[in-house]
Amino acid sequence: MKFVSVAEVKNRLTVYLAQARKKREPIIVTRHGKPYALIQPISERDLEDLGWKALGQESLRKAWDR
């Protein structure tokens, strides 16, 4: 698990999003040295559990494949 400051994430957000997805590993975002937020990969199953299925299968598939 990786810890990164809010300032660092702000400067390199796309890098950290790509890392989380590629490595399938969460990233803890810290503010003033304390945990503040979590960047974590999401699976198709997670999307379904969150109710994104309402978008329709085709829209979900397109969003997933990006």
PDB file of N, CA and C in Angstrom:
ATOM      1  N   MET A   1       0.848  -1.169   0.000  1.00  0.00           N
ATOM      2  CA  MET A   1       0.000   0.000   0.000  1.00  0.00           C
ATOM      3  C   MET A   1       0.899   1.239   0.000  1.00  0.00           C
ATOM      4  N   LYS A   2       0.495   2.226  -0.779  1.00  0.00           N
ATOM      5  CA  LYS A   2       1.283   3.435  -0.950  1.00  0.00           C
ATOM      6  C   LYS A   2       0.595   4.610  -0.256  1.00  0.00           C
ATOM      7  N   PHE A   3       1.384   5.512   0.336  1.00  0.00           N
ATOM      8  CA  PHE A   3       0.877   6.729   0.962  1.00  0.00           C
ATOM      9  C   PHE A   3       1.388   7.929   0.170  1.00  0.00           C
ATOM     10  N   VAL A   4       0.473   8.845  -0.183  1.00  0.00           N
ATOM     11  CA  VAL A   4       0.820  10.011  -0.991  1.00  0.00           C
ATOM     12  C   VAL A   4       0.065  11.219  -0.443  1.00  0.00           C
ATOM     13  N   SER A   5       0.727  12.368  -0.426  1.00  0.00           N
ATOM     14  CA  SER A   5       0.081  13.583   0.085  1.00  0.00           C
ATOM     15  C   SER A   5      -0.951  14.126  -0.906  1.00  0.00           C
ATOM     16  N   VAL A   6      -1.889  14.906  -0.387  1.00  0.00           N
ATOM     17  CA  VAL A   6      -2.901  15.550  -1.229  1.00  0.00           C
ATOM     18  C   VAL A   6      -2.215  16.395  -2.303  1.00  0.00           C
ATOM     19  N   ALA A   7      -1.190  17.140  -1.917  1.00  0.00           N
ATOM     20  CA  ALA A   7      -0.480  17.997  -2.874  1.00  0.00           C
ATOM     21  C   ALA A   7       0.121  17.176  -4.012  1.00  0.00           C
ATOM     22  N   GLU A   8       0.716  16.043  -3.684  1.00  0.00           N
ATOM     23  CA  GLU A   8       1.313  15.177  -4.698  1.00  0.00           C
ATOM     24  C   GLU A   8       0.244  14.608  -5.626  1.00  0.00           C
ATOM     25  N   VAL A   9      -0.869  14.181  -5.062  1.00  0.00           N
ATOM     26  CA  VAL A   9      -1.962  13.651  -5.882  1.00  0.00           C
ATOM     27  C   VAL A   9      -2.515  14.749  -6.789  1.00  0.00           C
ATOM     28  N   LYS A  10      -2.644  15.935  -6.255  1.00  0.00           N
ATOM     29  CA  LYS A  10      -3.143  17.063  -7.050  1.00  0.00           C
ATOM     30  C   LYS A  10      -2.253  17.308  -8.272  1.00  0.00           C
ATOM     31  N   ASN A  11      -0.955  17.212  -8.081  1.00  0.00           N
ATOM     32  CA  ASN A  11      -0.005  17.454  -9.167  1.00  0.00           C
ATOM     33  C   ASN A  11       0.086  16.306 -10.170  1.00  0.00           C
ATOM     34  N   ARG A  12      -0.235  15.079  -9.737  1.00  0.00           N
ATOM     35  CA  ARG A  12      -0.023  13.910 -10.595  1.00  0.00           C
ATOM     36  C   ARG A  12      -1.193  12.927 -10.528  1.00  0.00           C
ATOM     37  N   LEU A  13      -2.404  13.446 -10.506  1.00  0.00           N
ATOM     38  CA  LEU A  13      -3.578  12.595 -10.324  1.00  0.00           C
ATOM     39  C   LEU A  13      -3.648  11.457 -11.338  1.00  0.00           C
ATOM     40  N   THR A  14      -3.463  11.747 -12.606  1.00  0.00           N
ATOM     41  CA  THR A  14      -3.590  10.691 -13.616  1.00  0.00           C
ATOM     42  C   THR A  14      -2.564   9.583 -13.413  1.00  0.00           C
ATOM     43  N   VAL A  15      -1.387   9.933 -12.942  1.00  0.00           N
ATOM     44  CA  VAL A  15      -0.354   8.930 -12.667  1.00  0.00           C
ATOM     45  C   VAL A  15      -0.823   7.983 -11.567  1.00  0.00           C
ATOM     46  N   TYR A  16      -1.372   8.536 -10.495  1.00  0.00           N
ATOM     47  CA  TYR A  16      -1.808   7.698  -9.378  1.00  0.00           C
ATOM     48  C   TYR A  16      -3.049   6.877  -9.722  1.00  0.00           C
ATOM     49  N   LEU A  17      -3.935   7.434 -10.511  1.00  0.00           N
ATOM     50  CA  LEU A  17      -5.096   6.658 -10.957  1.00  0.00           C
ATOM     51  C   LEU A  17      -4.645   5.469 -11.801  1.00  0.00           C
ATOM     52  N   ALA A  18      -3.702   5.704 -12.699  1.00  0.00           N
ATOM     53  CA  ALA A  18      -3.180   4.624 -13.541  1.00  0.00           C
ATOM     54  C   ALA A  18      -2.470   3.569 -12.698  1.00  0.00           C
ATOM     55  N   GLN A  19      -1.695   4.007 -11.710  1.00  0.00           N
ATOM     56  CA  GLN A  19      -1.001   3.057 -10.834  1.00  0.00           C
ATOM     57  C   GLN A  19      -1.988   2.182 -10.078  1.00  0.00           C
ATOM     58  N   ALA A  20      -3.020   2.796  -9.536  1.00  0.00           N
ATOM     59  CA  ALA A  20      -4.016   2.033  -8.774  1.00  0.00           C
ATOM     60  C   ALA A  20      -4.673   0.984  -9.660  1.00  0.00           C
ATOM     61  N   ARG A  21      -5.014   1.368 -10.875  1.00  0.00           N
ATOM     62  CA  ARG A  21      -5.688   0.426 -11.771  1.00  0.00           C
ATOM     63  C   ARG A  21      -4.737  -0.666 -12.249  1.00  0.00           C
ATOM     64  N   LYS A  22      -3.524  -0.271 -12.654  1.00  0.00           N
ATOM     65  CA  LYS A  22      -2.575  -1.236 -13.204  1.00  0.00           C
ATOM     66  C   LYS A  22      -2.092  -2.235 -12.150  1.00  0.00           C
ATOM     67  N   LYS A  23      -1.734  -1.720 -10.984  1.00  0.00           N
ATOM     68  CA  LYS A  23      -1.188  -2.580  -9.930  1.00  0.00           C
ATOM     69  C   LYS A  23      -2.262  -3.226  -9.063  1.00  0.00           C
ATOM     70  N   ARG A  24      -3.525  -2.787  -9.249  1.00  0.00           N
ATOM     71  CA  ARG A  24      -4.643  -3.311  -8.447  1.00  0.00           C
ATOM     72  C   ARG A  24      -4.346  -3.140  -6.957  1.00  0.00           C
ATOM     73  N   GLU A  25      -3.780  -1.984  -6.615  1.00  0.00           N
ATOM     74  CA  GLU A  25      -3.372  -1.718  -5.237  1.00  0.00           C
ATOM     75  C   GLU A  25      -3.889  -0.346  -4.794  1.00  0.00           C
ATOM     76  N   PRO A  26      -4.494  -0.261  -3.621  1.00  0.00           N
ATOM     77  CA  PRO A  26      -4.999   1.029  -3.139  1.00  0.00           C
ATOM     78  C   PRO A  26      -3.876   2.006  -2.791  1.00  0.00           C
ATOM     79  N   ILE A  27      -4.200   3.287  -2.896  1.00  0.00           N
ATOM     80  CA  ILE A  27      -3.280   4.358  -2.528  1.00  0.00           C
ATOM     81  C   ILE A  27      -3.978   5.214  -1.471  1.00  0.00           C
ATOM     82  N   ILE A  28      -3.329   5.380  -0.333  1.00  0.00           N
ATOM     83  CA  ILE A  28      -3.860   6.213   0.742  1.00  0.00           C
ATOM     84  C   ILE A  28      -3.386   7.645   0.512  1.00  0.00           C
ATOM     85  N   VAL A  29      -4.313   8.568   0.452  1.00  0.00           N
ATOM     86  CA  VAL A  29      -3.986   9.982   0.300  1.00  0.00           C
ATOM     87  C   VAL A  29      -3.964  10.595   1.699  1.00  0.00           C
ATOM     88  N   THR A  30      -2.878  11.303   2.004  1.00  0.00           N
ATOM     89  CA  THR A  30      -2.736  11.891   3.337  1.00  0.00           C
ATOM     90  C   THR A  30      -2.813  13.414   3.273  1.00  0.00           C
ATOM     91  N   ARG A  31      -3.273  13.974   4.370  1.00  0.00           N
ATOM     92  CA  ARG A  31      -3.316  15.436   4.523  1.00  0.00           C
ATOM     93  C   ARG A  31      -2.742  15.742   5.902  1.00  0.00           C
ATOM     94  N   HIS A  32      -1.717  16.533   5.925  1.00  0.00           N
ATOM     95  CA  HIS A  32      -1.001  16.834   7.174  1.00  0.00           C
ATOM     96  C   HIS A  32      -0.549  15.546   7.863  1.00  0.00           C
ATOM     97  N   GLY A  33      -0.140  14.561   7.051  1.00  0.00           N
ATOM     98  CA  GLY A  33       0.391  13.309   7.573  1.00  0.00           C
ATOM     99  C   GLY A  33      -0.633  12.304   8.055  1.00  0.00           C
ATOM    100  N   LYS A  34      -1.924  12.627   7.915  1.00  0.00           N
ATOM    101  CA  LYS A  34      -2.980  11.721   8.375  1.00  0.00           C
ATOM    102  C   LYS A  34      -3.801  11.229   7.189  1.00  0.00           C
ATOM    103  N   PRO A  35      -4.287   9.985   7.250  1.00  0.00           N
ATOM    104  CA  PRO A  35      -5.119   9.465   6.159  1.00  0.00           C
ATOM    105  C   PRO A  35      -6.309  10.385   5.897  1.00  0.00           C
ATOM    106  N   TYR A  36      -6.559  10.656   4.619  1.00  0.00           N
ATOM    107  CA  TYR A  36      -7.592  11.611   4.227  1.00  0.00           C
ATOM    108  C   TYR A  36      -8.561  11.014   3.209  1.00  0.00           C
ATOM    109  N   ALA A  37      -8.026  10.232   2.271  1.00  0.00           N
ATOM    110  CA  ALA A  37      -8.855   9.646   1.214  1.00  0.00           C
ATOM    111  C   ALA A  37      -8.181   8.381   0.697  1.00  0.00           C
ATOM    112  N   LEU A  38      -8.913   7.671  -0.130  1.00  0.00           N
ATOM    113  CA  LEU A  38      -8.424   6.414  -0.682  1.00  0.00           C
ATOM    114  C   LEU A  38      -8.651   6.399  -2.183  1.00  0.00           C
ATOM    115  N   ILE A  39      -7.607   6.072  -2.928  1.00  0.00           N
ATOM    116  CA  ILE A  39      -7.734   5.812  -4.361  1.00  0.00           C
ATOM    117  C   ILE A  39      -7.587   4.308  -4.503  1.00  0.00           C
ATOM    118  N   GLN A  40      -8.601   3.702  -5.078  1.00  0.00           N
ATOM    119  CA  GLN A  40      -8.566   2.249  -5.147  1.00  0.00           C
ATOM    120  C   GLN A  40      -9.144   1.782  -6.473  1.00  0.00           C
ATOM    121  N   PRO A  41      -8.577   0.702  -7.021  1.00  0.00           N
ATOM    122  CA  PRO A  41      -9.109   0.177  -8.270  1.00  0.00           C
ATOM    123  C   PRO A  41     -10.538  -0.310  -8.064  1.00  0.00           C
ATOM    124  N   ILE A  42     -11.308  -0.288  -9.130  1.00  0.00           N
ATOM    125  CA  ILE A  42     -12.695  -0.724  -9.050  1.00  0.00           C
ATOM    126  C   ILE A  42     -12.940  -1.787 -10.115  1.00  0.00           C
ATOM    127  N   SER A  43     -13.672  -2.801  -9.749  1.00  0.00           N
ATOM    128  CA  SER A  43     -13.964  -3.886 -10.683  1.00  0.00           C
ATOM    129  C   SER A  43     -15.358  -3.709 -11.275  1.00  0.00           C
ATOM    130  N   GLU A  44     -15.622  -4.453 -12.316  1.00  0.00           N
ATOM    131  CA  GLU A  44     -16.951  -4.415 -12.923  1.00  0.00           C
ATOM    132  C   GLU A  44     -18.003  -4.847 -11.899  1.00  0.00           C
ATOM    133  N   ARG A  45     -17.658  -5.795 -11.067  1.00  0.00           N
ATOM    134  CA  ARG A  45     -18.571  -6.262 -10.018  1.00  0.00           C
ATOM    135  C   ARG A  45     -18.877  -5.138  -9.018  1.00  0.00           C
ATOM    136  N   ASP A  46     -17.843  -4.372  -8.663  1.00  0.00           N
ATOM    137  CA  ASP A  46     -18.042  -3.230  -7.763  1.00  0.00           C
ATOM    138  C   ASP A  46     -19.033  -2.240  -8.358  1.00  0.00           C
ATOM    139  N   LEU A  47     -18.898  -1.967  -9.650  1.00  0.00           N
ATOM    140  CA  LEU A  47     -19.814  -1.044 -10.320  1.00  0.00           C
ATOM    141  C   LEU A  47     -21.245  -1.556 -10.251  1.00  0.00           C
ATOM    142  N   GLU A  48     -21.413  -2.837 -10.488  1.00  0.00           N
ATOM    143  CA  GLU A  48     -22.748  -3.429 -10.412  1.00  0.00           C
ATOM    144  C   GLU A  48     -23.309  -3.299  -9.004  1.00  0.00           C
ATOM    145  N   ASP A  49     -22.473  -3.565  -8.009  1.00  0.00           N
ATOM    146  CA  ASP A  49     -22.914  -3.468  -6.618  1.00  0.00           C
ATOM    147  C   ASP A  49     -23.314  -2.042  -6.246  1.00  0.00           C
ATOM    148  N   LEU A  50     -22.689  -1.063  -6.879  1.00  0.00           N
ATOM    149  CA  LEU A  50     -22.995   0.339  -6.607  1.00  0.00           C
ATOM    150  C   LEU A  50     -24.211   0.842  -7.374  1.00  0.00           C
ATOM    151  N   GLY A  51     -24.801  -0.011  -8.190  1.00  0.00           N
ATOM    152  CA  GLY A  51     -26.004   0.371  -8.910  1.00  0.00           C
ATOM    153  C   GLY A  51     -25.759   0.994 -10.267  1.00  0.00           C
ATOM    154  N   TRP A  52     -24.557   0.893 -10.768  1.00  0.00           N
ATOM    155  CA  TRP A  52     -24.258   1.468 -12.074  1.00  0.00           C
ATOM    156  C   TRP A  52     -24.898   0.665 -13.197  1.00  0.00           C
ATOM    157  N   LYS A  53     -25.462  -0.455 -12.865  1.00  0.00           N
ATOM    158  CA  LYS A  53     -26.119  -1.272 -13.876  1.00  0.00           C
ATOM    159  C   LYS A  53     -27.270  -0.504 -14.510  1.00  0.00           C
ATOM    160  N   ALA A  54     -27.789   0.485 -13.785  1.00  0.00           N
ATOM    161  CA  ALA A  54     -28.890   1.301 -14.296  1.00  0.00           C
ATOM    162  C   ALA A  54     -28.480   2.062 -15.557  1.00  0.00           C
ATOM    163  N   LEU A  55     -27.194   2.227 -15.777  1.00  0.00           N
ATOM    164  CA  LEU A  55     -26.721   2.891 -16.991  1.00  0.00           C
ATOM    165  C   LEU A  55     -27.000   2.053 -18.239  1.00  0.00           C
ATOM    166  N   GLY A  56     -27.258   0.796 -18.029  1.00  0.00           N
ATOM    167  CA  GLY A  56     -27.445  -0.110 -19.159  1.00  0.00           C
ATOM    168  C   GLY A  56     -26.149  -0.836 -19.450  1.00  0.00           C
ATOM    169  N   GLN A  57     -26.254  -2.049 -19.906  1.00  0.00           N
ATOM    170  CA  GLN A  57     -25.076  -2.880 -20.141  1.00  0.00           C
ATOM    171  C   GLN A  57     -24.101  -2.251 -21.129  1.00  0.00           C
ATOM    172  N   GLU A  58     -24.608  -1.684 -22.211  1.00  0.00           N
ATOM    173  CA  GLU A  58     -23.719  -1.124 -23.227  1.00  0.00           C
ATOM    174  C   GLU A  58     -22.952   0.084 -22.693  1.00  0.00           C
ATOM    175  N   SER A  59     -23.635   0.974 -21.992  1.00  0.00           N
ATOM    176  CA  SER A  59     -22.964   2.147 -21.422  1.00  0.00           C
ATOM    177  C   SER A  59     -21.928   1.725 -20.392  1.00  0.00           C
ATOM    178  N   LEU A  60     -22.266   0.737 -19.580  1.00  0.00           N
ATOM    179  CA  LEU A  60     -21.342   0.233 -18.570  1.00  0.00           C
ATOM    180  C   LEU A  60     -20.114  -0.364 -19.241  1.00  0.00           C
ATOM    181  N   ARG A  61     -20.323  -1.141 -20.279  1.00  0.00           N
ATOM    182  CA  ARG A  61     -19.218  -1.776 -20.990  1.00  0.00           C
ATOM    183  C   ARG A  61     -18.296  -0.710 -21.602  1.00  0.00           C
ATOM    184  N   LYS A  62     -18.895   0.317 -22.216  1.00  0.00           N
ATOM    185  CA  LYS A  62     -18.087   1.386 -22.818  1.00  0.00           C
ATOM    186  C   LYS A  62     -17.269   2.112 -21.754  1.00  0.00           C
ATOM    187  N   ALA A  63     -17.886   2.413 -20.629  1.00  0.00           N
ATOM    188  CA  ALA A  63     -17.179   3.094 -19.542  1.00  0.00           C
ATOM    189  C   ALA A  63     -16.052   2.220 -19.015  1.00  0.00           C
ATOM    190  N   TRP A  64     -16.297   0.924 -18.912  1.00  0.00           N
ATOM    191  CA  TRP A  64     -15.309  -0.004 -18.369  1.00  0.00           C
ATOM    192  C   TRP A  64     -14.112  -0.149 -19.303  1.00  0.00           C
ATOM    193  N   ASP A  65     -14.354  -0.127 -20.621  1.00  0.00           N
ATOM    194  CA  ASP A  65     -13.297  -0.366 -21.601  1.00  0.00           C
ATOM    195  C   ASP A  65     -12.390   0.832 -21.845  1.00  0.00           C
ATOM    196  N   ARG A  66     -12.725   1.982 -21.340  1.00  0.00           N
ATOM    197  CA  ARG A  66     -11.887   3.175 -21.573  1.00  0.00           C
ATOM    198  C   ARG A  66     -10.534   3.039 -20.989  1.00  0.00           C
TER     199      ARG A  66
END
